[in-house]
N, C-alpha and C. Protein backbone atom coordinates (compact mmCIF):
# COMPACT_ATOMS: atom_id res chain seq x y z
N UNK A 1 19.04 30.80 -51.07
CA UNK A 1 19.26 31.79 -50.03
C UNK A 1 20.68 31.59 -49.48
N UNK A 2 21.40 32.68 -49.33
CA UNK A 2 22.76 32.52 -48.83
C UNK A 2 22.77 32.40 -47.30
N UNK A 3 23.92 32.12 -46.74
CA UNK A 3 24.08 31.85 -45.32
C UNK A 3 23.68 33.04 -44.45
N UNK A 4 24.04 34.24 -44.85
CA UNK A 4 23.73 35.43 -44.06
C UNK A 4 22.21 35.63 -43.95
N UNK A 5 21.49 35.37 -45.03
CA UNK A 5 20.03 35.51 -45.00
C UNK A 5 19.40 34.45 -44.09
N UNK A 6 19.92 33.23 -44.12
CA UNK A 6 19.42 32.16 -43.24
C UNK A 6 19.63 32.52 -41.78
N UNK A 7 20.79 33.01 -41.47
CA UNK A 7 21.10 33.39 -40.08
C UNK A 7 20.18 34.53 -39.64
N UNK A 8 20.00 35.52 -40.50
CA UNK A 8 19.13 36.64 -40.16
C UNK A 8 17.69 36.16 -39.96
N UNK A 9 17.23 35.26 -40.81
CA UNK A 9 15.88 34.71 -40.70
C UNK A 9 15.71 33.94 -39.40
N UNK A 10 16.68 33.10 -39.06
CA UNK A 10 16.62 32.32 -37.83
C UNK A 10 16.64 33.22 -36.60
N UNK A 11 17.44 34.27 -36.63
CA UNK A 11 17.49 35.21 -35.50
C UNK A 11 16.16 35.94 -35.35
N UNK A 12 15.57 36.33 -36.46
CA UNK A 12 14.29 37.03 -36.42
C UNK A 12 13.20 36.12 -35.87
N UNK A 13 13.19 34.86 -36.29
CA UNK A 13 12.21 33.90 -35.78
C UNK A 13 12.39 33.65 -34.29
N UNK A 14 13.63 33.56 -33.85
CA UNK A 14 13.91 33.38 -32.42
C UNK A 14 13.44 34.56 -31.60
N UNK A 15 13.68 35.75 -32.11
CA UNK A 15 13.24 36.96 -31.42
C UNK A 15 11.72 37.02 -31.36
N UNK A 16 11.08 36.68 -32.45
CA UNK A 16 9.63 36.68 -32.51
C UNK A 16 9.04 35.67 -31.52
N UNK A 17 9.61 34.49 -31.46
CA UNK A 17 9.12 33.45 -30.55
C UNK A 17 9.29 33.87 -29.09
N UNK A 18 10.42 34.44 -28.75
CA UNK A 18 10.63 34.86 -27.35
C UNK A 18 9.73 36.03 -26.98
N UNK A 19 9.48 36.92 -27.92
CA UNK A 19 8.58 38.05 -27.67
C UNK A 19 7.15 37.55 -27.45
N UNK A 20 6.70 36.61 -28.27
CA UNK A 20 5.36 36.06 -28.12
C UNK A 20 5.21 35.34 -26.78
N UNK A 21 6.22 34.59 -26.37
CA UNK A 21 6.18 33.89 -25.10
C UNK A 21 6.10 34.87 -23.94
N UNK A 22 6.92 35.89 -23.96
CA UNK A 22 6.89 36.89 -22.89
C UNK A 22 5.55 37.61 -22.86
N UNK A 23 5.02 37.92 -24.02
CA UNK A 23 3.73 38.62 -24.10
C UNK A 23 2.60 37.76 -23.56
N UNK A 24 2.60 36.47 -23.90
CA UNK A 24 1.52 35.59 -23.46
C UNK A 24 1.57 35.38 -21.95
N UNK A 25 2.76 35.32 -21.33
CA UNK A 25 2.86 35.16 -19.89
C UNK A 25 2.33 36.39 -19.17
N UNK A 26 2.60 37.57 -19.72
CA UNK A 26 2.15 38.80 -19.08
C UNK A 26 0.64 38.94 -19.18
N UNK A 27 0.03 38.31 -20.16
CA UNK A 27 -1.41 38.44 -20.37
C UNK A 27 -2.22 37.51 -19.48
N UNK A 28 -1.60 36.56 -18.80
CA UNK A 28 -2.32 35.64 -17.94
C UNK A 28 -2.84 36.40 -16.73
N UNK A 29 -4.14 36.40 -16.52
CA UNK A 29 -4.74 37.17 -15.44
C UNK A 29 -4.56 36.47 -14.10
N UNK A 30 -4.74 37.24 -13.03
CA UNK A 30 -4.67 36.67 -11.69
C UNK A 30 -5.73 35.58 -11.51
N UNK A 31 -6.91 35.79 -12.08
CA UNK A 31 -7.98 34.79 -11.98
C UNK A 31 -7.58 33.49 -12.68
N UNK A 32 -6.95 33.60 -13.84
CA UNK A 32 -6.51 32.41 -14.57
C UNK A 32 -5.43 31.68 -13.79
N UNK A 33 -4.49 32.43 -13.20
CA UNK A 33 -3.44 31.81 -12.38
C UNK A 33 -4.08 31.12 -11.18
N UNK A 34 -5.04 31.77 -10.52
CA UNK A 34 -5.73 31.19 -9.38
C UNK A 34 -6.34 29.83 -9.76
N UNK A 35 -7.07 29.81 -10.88
CA UNK A 35 -7.71 28.57 -11.32
C UNK A 35 -6.70 27.46 -11.56
N UNK A 36 -5.60 27.80 -12.23
CA UNK A 36 -4.57 26.80 -12.52
C UNK A 36 -3.93 26.26 -11.26
N UNK A 37 -3.58 27.15 -10.33
CA UNK A 37 -2.96 26.73 -9.07
C UNK A 37 -3.93 25.86 -8.28
N UNK A 38 -5.18 26.30 -8.17
CA UNK A 38 -6.20 25.56 -7.40
C UNK A 38 -6.35 24.14 -7.95
N UNK A 39 -6.47 24.01 -9.26
CA UNK A 39 -6.62 22.69 -9.86
C UNK A 39 -5.39 21.82 -9.67
N UNK A 40 -4.23 22.42 -9.87
CA UNK A 40 -3.00 21.63 -9.76
C UNK A 40 -2.81 21.11 -8.33
N UNK A 41 -3.08 21.96 -7.33
CA UNK A 41 -2.92 21.52 -5.94
C UNK A 41 -3.98 20.49 -5.56
N UNK A 42 -5.20 20.69 -5.99
CA UNK A 42 -6.28 19.77 -5.65
C UNK A 42 -6.08 18.40 -6.29
N UNK A 43 -5.49 18.37 -7.46
CA UNK A 43 -5.31 17.11 -8.18
C UNK A 43 -4.02 16.38 -7.85
N UNK A 44 -3.14 17.02 -7.09
CA UNK A 44 -1.86 16.37 -6.77
C UNK A 44 -2.08 15.31 -5.69
N UNK A 45 -1.65 14.06 -5.94
CA UNK A 45 -1.89 12.99 -4.97
C UNK A 45 -1.12 13.16 -3.65
N UNK A 46 -0.03 13.89 -3.66
CA UNK A 46 0.74 14.11 -2.44
C UNK A 46 0.19 15.27 -1.61
N UNK A 47 -0.13 16.36 -2.28
CA UNK A 47 -0.58 17.56 -1.57
C UNK A 47 -2.04 17.45 -1.17
N UNK A 48 -2.89 16.95 -2.08
CA UNK A 48 -4.33 16.89 -1.83
C UNK A 48 -4.80 18.25 -1.31
N UNK A 49 -4.46 19.30 -2.06
CA UNK A 49 -4.61 20.66 -1.58
C UNK A 49 -5.91 21.34 -1.88
N UNK A 50 -6.99 20.60 -2.00
CA UNK A 50 -8.27 21.22 -2.28
C UNK A 50 -8.73 22.21 -1.21
N UNK A 51 -8.28 22.01 0.03
CA UNK A 51 -8.71 22.88 1.13
C UNK A 51 -7.77 24.05 1.37
N UNK A 52 -6.68 24.13 0.64
CA UNK A 52 -5.75 25.24 0.82
C UNK A 52 -6.36 26.54 0.30
N UNK A 53 -6.02 27.62 0.95
CA UNK A 53 -6.48 28.93 0.49
C UNK A 53 -5.41 29.51 -0.43
N UNK A 54 -5.86 30.06 -1.52
CA UNK A 54 -4.96 30.61 -2.53
C UNK A 54 -5.38 32.04 -2.81
N UNK A 55 -4.41 32.92 -2.83
CA UNK A 55 -4.66 34.31 -3.17
C UNK A 55 -3.65 34.71 -4.24
N UNK A 56 -4.11 35.42 -5.25
CA UNK A 56 -3.22 35.86 -6.33
C UNK A 56 -3.43 37.36 -6.54
N UNK A 57 -2.34 38.10 -6.41
CA UNK A 57 -2.36 39.54 -6.67
C UNK A 57 -1.13 39.89 -7.48
N UNK A 58 -1.36 40.46 -8.65
CA UNK A 58 -0.30 40.86 -9.56
C UNK A 58 0.69 39.71 -9.80
N UNK A 59 0.13 38.54 -10.03
CA UNK A 59 0.87 37.32 -10.35
C UNK A 59 1.72 36.79 -9.19
N UNK A 60 1.48 37.27 -7.97
CA UNK A 60 2.12 36.74 -6.77
C UNK A 60 1.11 35.84 -6.06
N UNK A 61 1.47 34.57 -5.89
CA UNK A 61 0.58 33.58 -5.29
C UNK A 61 0.92 33.43 -3.81
N UNK A 62 -0.10 33.53 -2.96
CA UNK A 62 0.06 33.28 -1.53
C UNK A 62 -0.73 32.03 -1.18
N UNK A 63 -0.05 31.07 -0.55
CA UNK A 63 -0.67 29.81 -0.14
C UNK A 63 -0.86 29.82 1.37
N UNK A 64 -2.07 29.47 1.83
CA UNK A 64 -2.36 29.40 3.26
C UNK A 64 -3.15 28.12 3.53
N UNK A 65 -3.06 27.67 4.75
CA UNK A 65 -3.80 26.49 5.16
C UNK A 65 -2.91 25.59 5.97
N UNK A 66 -3.35 24.34 6.10
CA UNK A 66 -2.64 23.40 6.94
C UNK A 66 -2.38 22.11 6.17
N UNK A 67 -1.15 21.64 6.22
CA UNK A 67 -0.79 20.34 5.67
C UNK A 67 -0.06 19.55 6.74
N UNK A 68 0.08 18.25 6.51
CA UNK A 68 0.65 17.38 7.54
C UNK A 68 2.18 17.35 7.54
N UNK A 69 2.81 17.47 6.38
CA UNK A 69 4.27 17.28 6.34
C UNK A 69 4.97 18.43 5.61
N UNK A 70 6.25 18.58 5.91
CA UNK A 70 7.08 19.57 5.22
C UNK A 70 7.17 19.24 3.74
N UNK A 71 7.20 17.96 3.42
CA UNK A 71 7.27 17.53 2.02
C UNK A 71 6.04 18.03 1.25
N UNK A 72 4.86 17.93 1.84
CA UNK A 72 3.64 18.41 1.19
C UNK A 72 3.69 19.93 1.02
N UNK A 73 4.17 20.62 2.03
CA UNK A 73 4.28 22.08 1.98
C UNK A 73 5.19 22.52 0.85
N UNK A 74 6.35 21.90 0.74
CA UNK A 74 7.30 22.25 -0.32
C UNK A 74 6.76 21.87 -1.69
N UNK A 75 6.06 20.74 -1.77
CA UNK A 75 5.47 20.30 -3.04
C UNK A 75 4.42 21.30 -3.51
N UNK A 76 3.59 21.79 -2.59
CA UNK A 76 2.56 22.78 -2.94
C UNK A 76 3.21 24.03 -3.51
N UNK A 77 4.27 24.49 -2.87
CA UNK A 77 4.96 25.68 -3.35
C UNK A 77 5.55 25.43 -4.74
N UNK A 78 6.16 24.29 -4.92
CA UNK A 78 6.78 23.95 -6.21
C UNK A 78 5.74 23.90 -7.32
N UNK A 79 4.58 23.30 -7.04
CA UNK A 79 3.52 23.21 -8.04
C UNK A 79 3.02 24.60 -8.43
N UNK A 80 2.85 25.47 -7.44
CA UNK A 80 2.38 26.82 -7.73
C UNK A 80 3.42 27.59 -8.54
N UNK A 81 4.68 27.41 -8.19
CA UNK A 81 5.77 28.12 -8.85
C UNK A 81 5.88 27.75 -10.33
N UNK A 82 5.49 26.52 -10.66
CA UNK A 82 5.61 26.04 -12.05
C UNK A 82 4.53 26.59 -12.99
N UNK A 83 3.51 27.23 -12.44
CA UNK A 83 2.44 27.77 -13.28
C UNK A 83 2.99 28.94 -14.09
N UNK A 84 2.74 28.91 -15.37
CA UNK A 84 3.21 29.97 -16.25
C UNK A 84 2.62 31.31 -15.84
N UNK A 85 3.47 32.31 -15.71
CA UNK A 85 3.02 33.64 -15.35
C UNK A 85 3.18 33.99 -13.88
N UNK A 86 3.42 32.98 -13.03
CA UNK A 86 3.60 33.24 -11.60
C UNK A 86 4.95 33.90 -11.38
N UNK A 87 4.93 35.08 -10.74
CA UNK A 87 6.16 35.81 -10.45
C UNK A 87 6.82 35.36 -9.17
N UNK A 88 5.99 35.05 -8.16
CA UNK A 88 6.52 34.72 -6.84
C UNK A 88 5.48 33.89 -6.10
N UNK A 89 5.95 33.04 -5.17
CA UNK A 89 5.05 32.27 -4.32
C UNK A 89 5.40 32.57 -2.87
N UNK A 90 4.41 32.97 -2.10
CA UNK A 90 4.57 33.19 -0.67
C UNK A 90 3.89 32.02 0.02
N UNK A 91 4.67 31.21 0.72
CA UNK A 91 4.17 29.98 1.32
C UNK A 91 3.92 30.20 2.80
N UNK A 92 2.66 30.36 3.16
CA UNK A 92 2.26 30.56 4.56
C UNK A 92 1.55 29.33 5.11
N UNK A 93 1.77 28.18 4.50
CA UNK A 93 1.16 26.93 4.94
C UNK A 93 1.79 26.54 6.28
N UNK A 94 0.96 26.13 7.21
CA UNK A 94 1.44 25.67 8.51
C UNK A 94 1.33 24.16 8.57
N UNK A 95 2.14 23.55 9.42
CA UNK A 95 2.14 22.10 9.57
C UNK A 95 1.37 21.70 10.81
N UNK A 96 0.66 20.61 10.68
CA UNK A 96 -0.08 20.08 11.80
C UNK A 96 -1.05 19.02 11.32
N UNK A 97 -1.38 18.09 12.19
CA UNK A 97 -2.31 17.02 11.82
C UNK A 97 -3.71 17.55 11.63
N UNK A 98 -4.51 16.81 10.88
CA UNK A 98 -5.90 17.23 10.62
C UNK A 98 -6.77 16.83 11.77
């Protein structure tokens, strides 16, 4: 195979891979995102977010509830943001002791 064919093949494979990735992210349902966010927050040793309220609409995650520190609040937002398919995170968590 000559160089031009290799380059064309590699470009086609790259395009195919990026298309598949974009397609799979769009297919993730709000319910699936909810489950992933809920588990990730509940299992995080810093956030311990099992009691946080989570709402997902059109891949926008809204976090509500109460945490003790700003660090926990930011960590919860970061964890939610990392979930594949999440478009935006609205952080309405308030600070205060339990």
